[in-house]
PDB file of N, CA and C in Angstrom:
ATOM      1  N   MET A   1     158.018-326.958 239.231  1.00  0.00           N
ATOM      2  CA  MET A   1     158.077-328.399 239.160  1.00  0.00           C
ATOM      3  C   MET A   1     158.856-328.935 240.357  1.00  0.00           C
ATOM      4  N   ILE A   2     158.327-329.974 241.000  1.00  0.00           N
ATOM      5  CA  ILE A   2     158.953-330.565 242.179  1.00  0.00           C
ATOM      6  C   ILE A   2     159.988-331.594 241.741  1.00  0.00           C
ATOM      7  N   ASN A   3     161.171-331.502 242.324  1.00  0.00           N
ATOM      8  CA  ASN A   3     162.214-332.482 242.064  1.00  0.00           C
ATOM      9  C   ASN A   3     161.962-333.681 242.971  1.00  0.00           C
ATOM     10  N   ILE A   4     161.386-334.742 242.431  1.00  0.00           N
ATOM     11  CA  ILE A   4     161.004-335.917 243.211  1.00  0.00           C
ATOM     12  C   ILE A   4     162.223-336.559 243.847  1.00  0.00           C
ATOM     13  N   TYR A   5     163.333-336.640 243.102  1.00  0.00           N
ATOM     14  CA  TYR A   5     164.537-337.275 243.633  1.00  0.00           C
ATOM     15  C   TYR A   5     165.031-336.541 244.877  1.00  0.00           C
ATOM     16  N   ARG A   6     165.088-335.223 244.825  1.00  0.00           N
ATOM     17  CA  ARG A   6     165.541-334.446 245.979  1.00  0.00           C
ATOM     18  C   ARG A   6     164.563-334.580 247.139  1.00  0.00           C
ATOM     19  N   SER A   7     163.271-334.612 246.840  1.00  0.00           N
ATOM     20  CA  SER A   7     162.266-334.776 247.887  1.00  0.00           C
ATOM     21  C   SER A   7     162.433-336.108 248.590  1.00  0.00           C
ATOM     22  N   ALA A   8     162.749-337.140 247.828  1.00  0.00           N
ATOM     23  CA  ALA A   8     162.951-338.462 248.418  1.00  0.00           C
ATOM     24  C   ALA A   8     164.142-338.458 249.363  1.00  0.00           C
ATOM     25  N   ILE A   9     165.200-337.755 248.990  1.00  0.00           N
ATOM     26  CA  ILE A   9     166.369-337.674 249.861  1.00  0.00           C
ATOM     27  C   ILE A   9     166.005-336.961 251.155  1.00  0.00           C
ATOM     28  N   MET A  10     165.320-335.864 251.047  1.00  0.00           N
ATOM     29  CA  MET A  10     164.978-335.081 252.228  1.00  0.00           C
ATOM     30  C   MET A  10     164.016-335.839 253.141  1.00  0.00           C
ATOM     31  N   ALA A  11     163.207-336.719 252.589  1.00  0.00           N
ATOM     32  CA  ALA A  11     162.257-337.472 253.394  1.00  0.00           C
ATOM     33  C   ALA A  11     162.968-338.391 254.383  1.00  0.00           C
ATOM     34  N   PHE A  12     164.215-338.765 254.093  1.00  0.00           N
ATOM     35  CA  PHE A  12     164.949-339.677 254.964  1.00  0.00           C
ATOM     36  C   PHE A  12     166.017-338.957 255.779  1.00  0.00           C
ATOM     37  N   ASN A  13     165.982-337.640 255.827  1.00  0.00           N
ATOM     38  CA  ASN A  13     166.975-336.893 256.584  1.00  0.00           C
ATOM     39  C   ASN A  13     166.846-337.245 258.058  1.00  0.00           C
ATOM     40  N   MET A  14     167.959-337.600 258.691  1.00  0.00           N
ATOM     41  CA  MET A  14     167.925-337.970 260.100  1.00  0.00           C
ATOM     42  C   MET A  14     169.152-337.422 260.813  1.00  0.00           C
ATOM     43  N   THR A  15     169.111-337.459 262.118  1.00  0.00           N
ATOM     44  CA  THR A  15     170.243-336.987 262.908  1.00  0.00           C
ATOM     45  C   THR A  15     171.305-338.084 262.995  1.00  0.00           C
ATOM     46  N   GLN A  16     172.486-337.688 263.434  1.00  0.00           N
ATOM     47  CA  GLN A  16     173.580-338.643 263.610  1.00  0.00           C
ATOM     48  C   GLN A  16     173.185-339.714 264.622  1.00  0.00           C
ATOM     49  N   SER A  17     172.549-339.324 265.726  1.00  0.00           N
ATOM     50  CA  SER A  17     172.179-340.304 266.753  1.00  0.00           C
ATOM     51  C   SER A  17     171.092-341.252 266.255  1.00  0.00           C
ATOM     52  N   GLN A  18     170.170-340.761 265.435  1.00  0.00           N
ATOM     53  CA  GLN A  18     169.150-341.643 264.860  1.00  0.00           C
ATOM     54  C   GLN A  18     169.798-342.667 263.929  1.00  0.00           C
ATOM     55  N   PHE A  19     170.755-342.210 263.111  1.00  0.00           N
ATOM     56  CA  PHE A  19     171.437-343.138 262.214  1.00  0.00           C
ATOM     57  C   PHE A  19     172.245-344.167 263.008  1.00  0.00           C
ATOM     58  N   ALA A  20     172.904-343.731 264.072  1.00  0.00           N
ATOM     59  CA  ALA A  20     173.673-344.663 264.903  1.00  0.00           C
ATOM     60  C   ALA A  20     172.758-345.726 265.511  1.00  0.00           C
ATOM     61  N   ALA A  21     171.591-345.310 265.976  1.00  0.00           N
ATOM     62  CA  ALA A  21     170.637-346.262 266.547  1.00  0.00           C
ATOM     63  C   ALA A  21     170.128-347.236 265.484  1.00  0.00           C
ATOM     64  N   LEU A  22     169.786-346.719 264.318  1.00  0.00           N
ATOM     65  CA  LEU A  22     169.318-347.580 263.234  1.00  0.00           C
ATOM     66  C   LEU A  22     170.407-348.563 262.819  1.00  0.00           C
ATOM     67  N   SER A  23     171.632-348.085 262.711  1.00  0.00           N
ATOM     68  CA  SER A  23     172.752-348.950 262.330  1.00  0.00           C
ATOM     69  C   SER A  23     172.928-350.089 263.319  1.00  0.00           C
ATOM     70  N   LYS A  24     172.778-349.764 264.593  1.00  0.00           N
ATOM     71  CA  LYS A  24     172.910-350.790 265.624  1.00  0.00           C
ATOM     72  C   LYS A  24     171.754-351.786 265.554  1.00  0.00           C
ATOM     73  N   LEU A  25     170.555-351.280 265.352  1.00  0.00           N
ATOM     74  CA  LEU A  25     169.386-352.162 265.278  1.00  0.00           C
ATOM     75  C   LEU A  25     169.469-353.163 264.125  1.00  0.00           C
ATOM     76  N   ILE A  26     169.993-352.729 262.998  1.00  0.00           N
ATOM     77  CA  ILE A  26     170.056-353.620 261.842  1.00  0.00           C
ATOM     78  C   ILE A  26     171.433-354.269 261.693  1.00  0.00           C
ATOM     79  N   SER A  27     172.276-354.113 262.714  1.00  0.00           N
ATOM     80  CA  SER A  27     173.617-354.718 262.739  1.00  0.00           C
ATOM     81  C   SER A  27     174.440-354.363 261.507  1.00  0.00           C
ATOM     82  N   MET A  28     174.451-353.089 261.165  1.00  0.00           N
ATOM     83  CA  MET A  28     175.227-352.618 260.023  1.00  0.00           C
ATOM     84  C   MET A  28     176.693-352.515 260.447  1.00  0.00           C
ATOM     85  N   ARG A  29     177.561-353.253 259.765  1.00  0.00           N
ATOM     86  CA  ARG A  29     178.979-353.249 260.102  1.00  0.00           C
ATOM     87  C   ARG A  29     179.634-351.923 259.747  1.00  0.00           C
ATOM     88  N   ALA A  30     180.617-351.546 260.569  1.00  0.00           N
ATOM     89  CA  ALA A  30     181.381-350.325 260.293  1.00  0.00           C
ATOM     90  C   ALA A  30     182.166-350.514 259.007  1.00  0.00           C
ATOM     91  N   GLY A  31     182.304-349.457 258.257  1.00  0.00           N
ATOM     92  CA  GLY A  31     183.066-349.519 257.019  1.00  0.00           C
ATOM     93  C   GLY A  31     182.599-348.452 256.046  1.00  0.00           C
ATOM     94  N   ALA A  32     183.122-348.539 254.843  1.00  0.00           N
ATOM     95  CA  ALA A  32     182.840-347.523 253.841  1.00  0.00           C
ATOM     96  C   ALA A  32     181.362-347.490 253.439  1.00  0.00           C
ATOM     97  N   ALA A  33     180.729-348.646 253.316  1.00  0.00           N
ATOM     98  CA  ALA A  33     179.314-348.680 252.915  1.00  0.00           C
ATOM     99  C   ALA A  33     178.434-348.035 253.984  1.00  0.00           C
ATOM    100  N   ARG A  34     178.735-348.316 255.254  1.00  0.00           N
ATOM    101  CA  ARG A  34     177.977-347.695 256.344  1.00  0.00           C
ATOM    102  C   ARG A  34     178.182-346.184 256.320  1.00  0.00           C
ATOM    103  N   GLU A  35     179.418-345.751 256.083  1.00  0.00           N
ATOM    104  CA  GLU A  35     179.697-344.316 256.009  1.00  0.00           C
ATOM    105  C   GLU A  35     178.940-343.678 254.848  1.00  0.00           C
ATOM    106  N   ALA A  36     178.850-344.386 253.724  1.00  0.00           N
ATOM    107  CA  ALA A  36     178.094-343.864 252.584  1.00  0.00           C
ATOM    108  C   ALA A  36     176.622-343.714 252.945  1.00  0.00           C
ATOM    109  N   ALA A  37     176.075-344.695 253.650  1.00  0.00           N
ATOM    110  CA  ALA A  37     174.676-344.605 254.078  1.00  0.00           C
ATOM    111  C   ALA A  37     174.493-343.428 255.033  1.00  0.00           C
ATOM    112  N   ARG A  38     175.450-343.229 255.932  1.00  0.00           N
ATOM    113  CA  ARG A  38     175.367-342.096 256.860  1.00  0.00           C
ATOM    114  C   ARG A  38     175.405-340.775 256.104  1.00  0.00           C
ATOM    115  N   LEU A  39     176.303-340.681 255.131  1.00  0.00           N
ATOM    116  CA  LEU A  39     176.386-339.463 254.325  1.00  0.00           C
ATOM    117  C   LEU A  39     175.072-339.201 253.587  1.00  0.00           C
ATOM    118  N   HIS A  40     174.435-340.266 253.140  1.00  0.00           N
ATOM    119  CA  HIS A  40     173.162-340.131 252.420  1.00  0.00           C
ATOM    120  C   HIS A  40     172.049-339.665 253.353  1.00  0.00           C
ATOM    121  N   PHE A  41     171.877-340.356 254.475  1.00  0.00           N
ATOM    122  CA  PHE A  41     170.747-340.070 255.354  1.00  0.00           C
ATOM    123  C   PHE A  41     170.958-338.854 256.253  1.00  0.00           C
ATOM    124  N   VAL A  42     172.156-338.651 256.749  1.00  0.00           N
ATOM    125  CA  VAL A  42     172.414-337.561 257.689  1.00  0.00           C
ATOM    126  C   VAL A  42     172.797-336.274 256.956  1.00  0.00           C
ATOM    127  N   ASP A  43     173.698-336.388 255.978  1.00  0.00           N
ATOM    128  CA  ASP A  43     174.196-335.195 255.292  1.00  0.00           C
ATOM    129  C   ASP A  43     173.430-334.863 254.021  1.00  0.00           C
ATOM    130  N   GLY A  44     172.567-335.782 253.568  1.00  0.00           N
ATOM    131  CA  GLY A  44     171.723-335.510 252.413  1.00  0.00           C
ATOM    132  C   GLY A  44     172.393-335.688 251.061  1.00  0.00           C
ATOM    133  N   LEU A  45     173.531-336.375 251.013  1.00  0.00           N
ATOM    134  CA  LEU A  45     174.196-336.600 249.728  1.00  0.00           C
ATOM    135  C   LEU A  45     173.443-337.635 248.906  1.00  0.00           C
ATOM    136  N   SER A  46     173.571-337.551 247.605  1.00  0.00           N
ATOM    137  CA  SER A  46     173.018-338.590 246.745  1.00  0.00           C
ATOM    138  C   SER A  46     173.842-339.854 246.962  1.00  0.00           C
ATOM    139  N   VAL A  47     173.301-340.993 246.594  1.00  0.00           N
ATOM    140  CA  VAL A  47     174.032-342.253 246.772  1.00  0.00           C
ATOM    141  C   VAL A  47     175.351-342.246 245.996  1.00  0.00           C
ATOM    142  N   PRO A  48     175.374-341.816 244.725  1.00  0.00           N
ATOM    143  CA  PRO A  48     176.668-341.786 244.028  1.00  0.00           C
ATOM    144  C   PRO A  48     177.696-340.872 244.706  1.00  0.00           C
ATOM    145  N   ASP A  49     177.263-339.699 245.173  1.00  0.00           N
ATOM    146  CA  ASP A  49     178.180-338.787 245.856  1.00  0.00           C
ATOM    147  C   ASP A  49     178.645-339.370 247.186  1.00  0.00           C
ATOM    148  N   ALA A  50     177.736-340.000 247.908  1.00  0.00           N
ATOM    149  CA  ALA A  50     178.093-340.610 249.192  1.00  0.00           C
ATOM    150  C   ALA A  50     179.090-341.749 248.983  1.00  0.00           C
ATOM    151  N   ALA A  51     178.884-342.548 247.943  1.00  0.00           N
ATOM    152  CA  ALA A  51     179.811-343.650 247.646  1.00  0.00           C
ATOM    153  C   ALA A  51     181.198-343.107 247.338  1.00  0.00           C
ATOM    154  N   ARG A  52     181.253-342.090 246.529  1.00  0.00           N
ATOM    155  CA  ARG A  52     182.536-341.492 246.158  1.00  0.00           C
ATOM    156  C   ARG A  52     183.240-340.923 247.396  1.00  0.00           C
ATOM    157  N   ASP A  53     182.514-340.170 248.217  1.00  0.00           N
ATOM    158  CA  ASP A  53     183.114-339.557 249.404  1.00  0.00           C
ATOM    159  C   ASP A  53     183.553-340.601 250.436  1.00  0.00           C
ATOM    160  N   ALA A  54     182.807-341.698 250.537  1.00  0.00           N
ATOM    161  CA  ALA A  54     183.128-342.735 251.517  1.00  0.00           C
ATOM    162  C   ALA A  54     184.197-343.698 250.995  1.00  0.00           C
ATOM    163  N   GLY A  55     184.435-343.680 249.696  1.00  0.00           N
ATOM    164  CA  GLY A  55     185.457-344.551 249.127  1.00  0.00           C
ATOM    165  C   GLY A  55     184.999-345.973 248.895  1.00  0.00           C
ATOM    166  N   CYS A  56     183.734-346.127 248.511  1.00  0.00           N
ATOM    167  CA  CYS A  56     183.240-347.469 248.205  1.00  0.00           C
ATOM    168  C   CYS A  56     182.530-347.445 246.859  1.00  0.00           C
ATOM    169  N   SER A  57     182.160-348.604 246.377  1.00  0.00           N
ATOM    170  CA  SER A  57     181.466-348.691 245.097  1.00  0.00           C
ATOM    171  C   SER A  57     180.029-348.189 245.247  1.00  0.00           C
ATOM    172  N   TYR A  58     179.475-347.784 244.119  1.00  0.00           N
ATOM    173  CA  TYR A  58     178.066-347.366 244.117  1.00  0.00           C
ATOM    174  C   TYR A  58     177.186-348.515 244.597  1.00  0.00           C
ATOM    175  N   ARG A  59     177.477-349.723 244.133  1.00  0.00           N
ATOM    176  CA  ARG A  59     176.671-350.889 244.502  1.00  0.00           C
ATOM    177  C   ARG A  59     176.660-351.105 246.017  1.00  0.00           C
ATOM    178  N   SER A  60     177.831-351.022 246.650  1.00  0.00           N
ATOM    179  CA  SER A  60     177.910-351.204 248.108  1.00  0.00           C
ATOM    180  C   SER A  60     177.112-350.125 248.836  1.00  0.00           C
ATOM    181  N   ALA A  61     177.254-348.892 248.374  1.00  0.00           N
ATOM    182  CA  ALA A  61     176.516-347.792 248.994  1.00  0.00           C
ATOM    183  C   ALA A  61     175.016-347.969 248.807  1.00  0.00           C
ATOM    184  N   TRP A  62     174.604-348.322 247.593  1.00  0.00           N
ATOM    185  CA  TRP A  62     173.180-348.504 247.304  1.00  0.00           C
ATOM    186  C   TRP A  62     172.597-349.612 248.175  1.00  0.00           C
ATOM    187  N   GLN A  63     173.336-350.718 248.314  1.00  0.00           N
ATOM    188  CA  GLN A  63     172.847-351.826 249.138  1.00  0.00           C
ATOM    189  C   GLN A  63     172.712-351.413 250.605  1.00  0.00           C
ATOM    190  N   ALA A  64     173.668-350.642 251.114  1.00  0.00           N
ATOM    191  CA  ALA A  64     173.590-350.179 252.507  1.00  0.00           C
ATOM    192  C   ALA A  64     172.399-349.249 252.703  1.00  0.00           C
ATOM    193  N   VAL A  65     172.157-348.371 251.736  1.00  0.00           N
ATOM    194  CA  VAL A  65     171.011-347.459 251.808  1.00  0.00           C
ATOM    195  C   VAL A  65     169.708-348.249 251.763  1.00  0.00           C
ATOM    196  N   GLN A  66     169.616-349.234 250.886  1.00  0.00           N
ATOM    197  CA  GLN A  66     168.400-350.046 250.796  1.00  0.00           C
ATOM    198  C   GLN A  66     168.166-350.811 252.088  1.00  0.00           C
ATOM    199  N   ARG A  67     169.224-351.360 252.663  1.00  0.00           N
ATOM    200  CA  ARG A  67     169.092-352.104 253.912  1.00  0.00           C
ATOM    201  C   ARG A  67     168.605-351.185 255.033  1.00  0.00           C
ATOM    202  N   ALA A  68     169.121-349.979 255.071  1.00  0.00           N
ATOM    203  CA  ALA A  68     168.686-349.018 256.086  1.00  0.00           C
ATOM    204  C   ALA A  68     167.223-348.626 255.887  1.00  0.00           C
ATOM    205  N   LYS A  69     166.797-348.474 254.632  1.00  0.00           N
ATOM    206  CA  LYS A  69     165.392-348.145 254.359  1.00  0.00           C
ATOM    207  C   LYS A  69     164.472-349.260 254.834  1.00  0.00           C
ATOM    208  N   VAL A  70     164.866-350.501 254.601  1.00  0.00           N
ATOM    209  CA  VAL A  70     164.074-351.640 255.077  1.00  0.00           C
ATOM    210  C   VAL A  70     164.024-351.617 256.604  1.00  0.00           C
ATOM    211  N   GLY A  71     165.163-351.329 257.234  1.00  0.00           N
ATOM    212  CA  GLY A  71     165.206-351.239 258.691  1.00  0.00           C
ATOM    213  C   GLY A  71     164.298-350.149 259.225  1.00  0.00           C
ATOM    214  N   MET A  72     164.297-348.991 258.553  1.00  0.00           N
ATOM    215  CA  MET A  72     163.413-347.899 258.983  1.00  0.00           C
ATOM    216  C   MET A  72     161.950-348.300 258.870  1.00  0.00           C
ATOM    217  N   GLU A  73     161.611-348.993 257.798  1.00  0.00           N
ATOM    218  CA  GLU A  73     160.225-349.429 257.622  1.00  0.00           C
ATOM    219  C   GLU A  73     159.829-350.435 258.704  1.00  0.00           C
ATOM    220  N   LEU A  74     160.729-351.331 259.057  1.00  0.00           N
ATOM    221  CA  LEU A  74     160.445-352.295 260.127  1.00  0.00           C
ATOM    222  C   LEU A  74     160.249-351.587 261.465  1.00  0.00           C
ATOM    223  N   VAL A  75     161.069-350.582 261.733  1.00  0.00           N
ATOM    224  CA  VAL A  75     160.929-349.809 262.972  1.00  0.00           C
ATOM    225  C   VAL A  75     159.588-349.081 262.979  1.00  0.00           C
ATOM    226  N   ARG A  76     159.239-348.463 261.859  1.00  0.00           N
ATOM    227  CA  ARG A  76     157.940-347.765 261.781  1.00  0.00           C
ATOM    228  C   ARG A  76     156.787-348.733 262.043  1.00  0.00           C
ATOM    229  N   ASN A  77     156.845-349.910 261.429  1.00  0.00           N
ATOM    230  CA  ASN A  77     155.779-350.898 261.617  1.00  0.00           C
ATOM    231  C   ASN A  77     155.724-351.399 263.055  1.00  0.00           C
ATOM    232  N   ALA A  78     156.890-351.600 263.661  1.00  0.00           N
ATOM    233  CA  ALA A  78     156.936-352.092 265.035  1.00  0.00           C
ATOM    234  C   ALA A  78     156.419-351.053 266.021  1.00  0.00           C
ATOM    235  N   CYS A  79     156.602-349.781 265.711  1.00  0.00           N
ATOM    236  CA  CYS A  79     156.213-348.710 266.631  1.00  0.00           C
ATOM    237  C   CYS A  79     154.817-348.165 266.372  1.00  0.00           C
ATOM    238  N   TYR A  80     154.171-348.614 265.311  1.00  0.00           N
ATOM    239  CA  TYR A  80     152.844-348.110 264.971  1.00  0.00           C
ATOM    240  C   TYR A  80     151.829-348.633 265.980  1.00  0.00           C
ATOM    241  N   ILE A  81     151.033-347.727 266.526  1.00  0.00           N
ATOM    242  CA  ILE A  81     149.977-348.095 267.465  1.00  0.00           C
ATOM    243  C   ILE A  81     148.651-347.725 266.829  1.00  0.00           C
ATOM    244  N   ASP A  82     147.823-348.721 266.610  1.00  0.00           N
ATOM    245  CA  ASP A  82     146.510-348.499 266.025  1.00  0.00           C
ATOM    246  C   ASP A  82     145.536-348.174 267.146  1.00  0.00           C
ATOM    247  N   THR A  83     145.232-346.900 267.303  1.00  0.00           N
ATOM    248  CA  THR A  83     144.342-346.480 268.391  1.00  0.00           C
ATOM    249  C   THR A  83     142.889-346.800 268.103  1.00  0.00           C
ATOM    250  N   LYS A  84     142.579-347.194 266.890  1.00  0.00           N
ATOM    251  CA  LYS A  84     141.196-347.513 266.544  1.00  0.00           C
ATOM    252  C   LYS A  84     140.936-349.015 266.549  1.00  0.00           C
ATOM    253  N   ARG A  85     141.944-349.796 266.876  1.00  0.00           N
ATOM    254  CA  ARG A  85     141.795-351.254 266.889  1.00  0.00           C
ATOM    255  C   ARG A  85     140.781-351.663 267.949  1.00  0.00           C
ATOM    256  N   ASN A  86     139.844-352.474 267.580  1.00  0.00           N
ATOM    257  CA  ASN A  86     138.803-352.989 268.467  1.00  0.00           C
ATOM    258  C   ASN A  86     138.006-351.897 269.161  1.00  0.00           C
ATOM    259  N   GLY A  87     138.037-350.706 268.589  1.00  0.00           N
ATOM    260  CA  GLY A  87     137.225-349.622 269.137  1.00  0.00           C
ATOM    261  C   GLY A  87     137.729-349.051 270.442  1.00  0.00           C
ATOM    262  N   THR A  88     138.945-349.372 270.839  1.00  0.00           N
ATOM    263  CA  THR A  88     139.482-348.841 272.089  1.00  0.00           C
ATOM    264  C   THR A  88     140.717-348.018 271.829  1.00  0.00           C
ATOM    265  N   SER A  89     140.989-347.108 272.706  1.00  0.00           N
ATOM    266  CA  SER A  89     142.218-346.323 272.632  1.00  0.00           C
ATOM    267  C   SER A  89     143.183-346.846 273.686  1.00  0.00           C
ATOM    268  N   GLN A  90     144.471-346.863 273.303  1.00  0.00           N
ATOM    269  CA  GLN A  90     145.471-347.326 274.268  1.00  0.00           C
ATOM    270  C   GLN A  90     146.623-346.379 274.291  1.00  0.00           C
TER     271      GLN A  90
END
């Protein structure tokens, strides 16, 4: 049986430099919530564990993680190139 929750965490695994770039792009302020998001995405901790380790509330950590996910989706959409658009490749 596949652990969906663990798979979801691993799907967002990123490097420290990728997280730093994403944080800058979405203007994420330095602090405990940002550290919790980093622990979640870079180190693979669950949101509750990341919140505890970073010293912030679960709610703050969850909101930072959600904001980062929205930012990642915006980056993916902005970088998507449709090579089949209008029948031409670019």
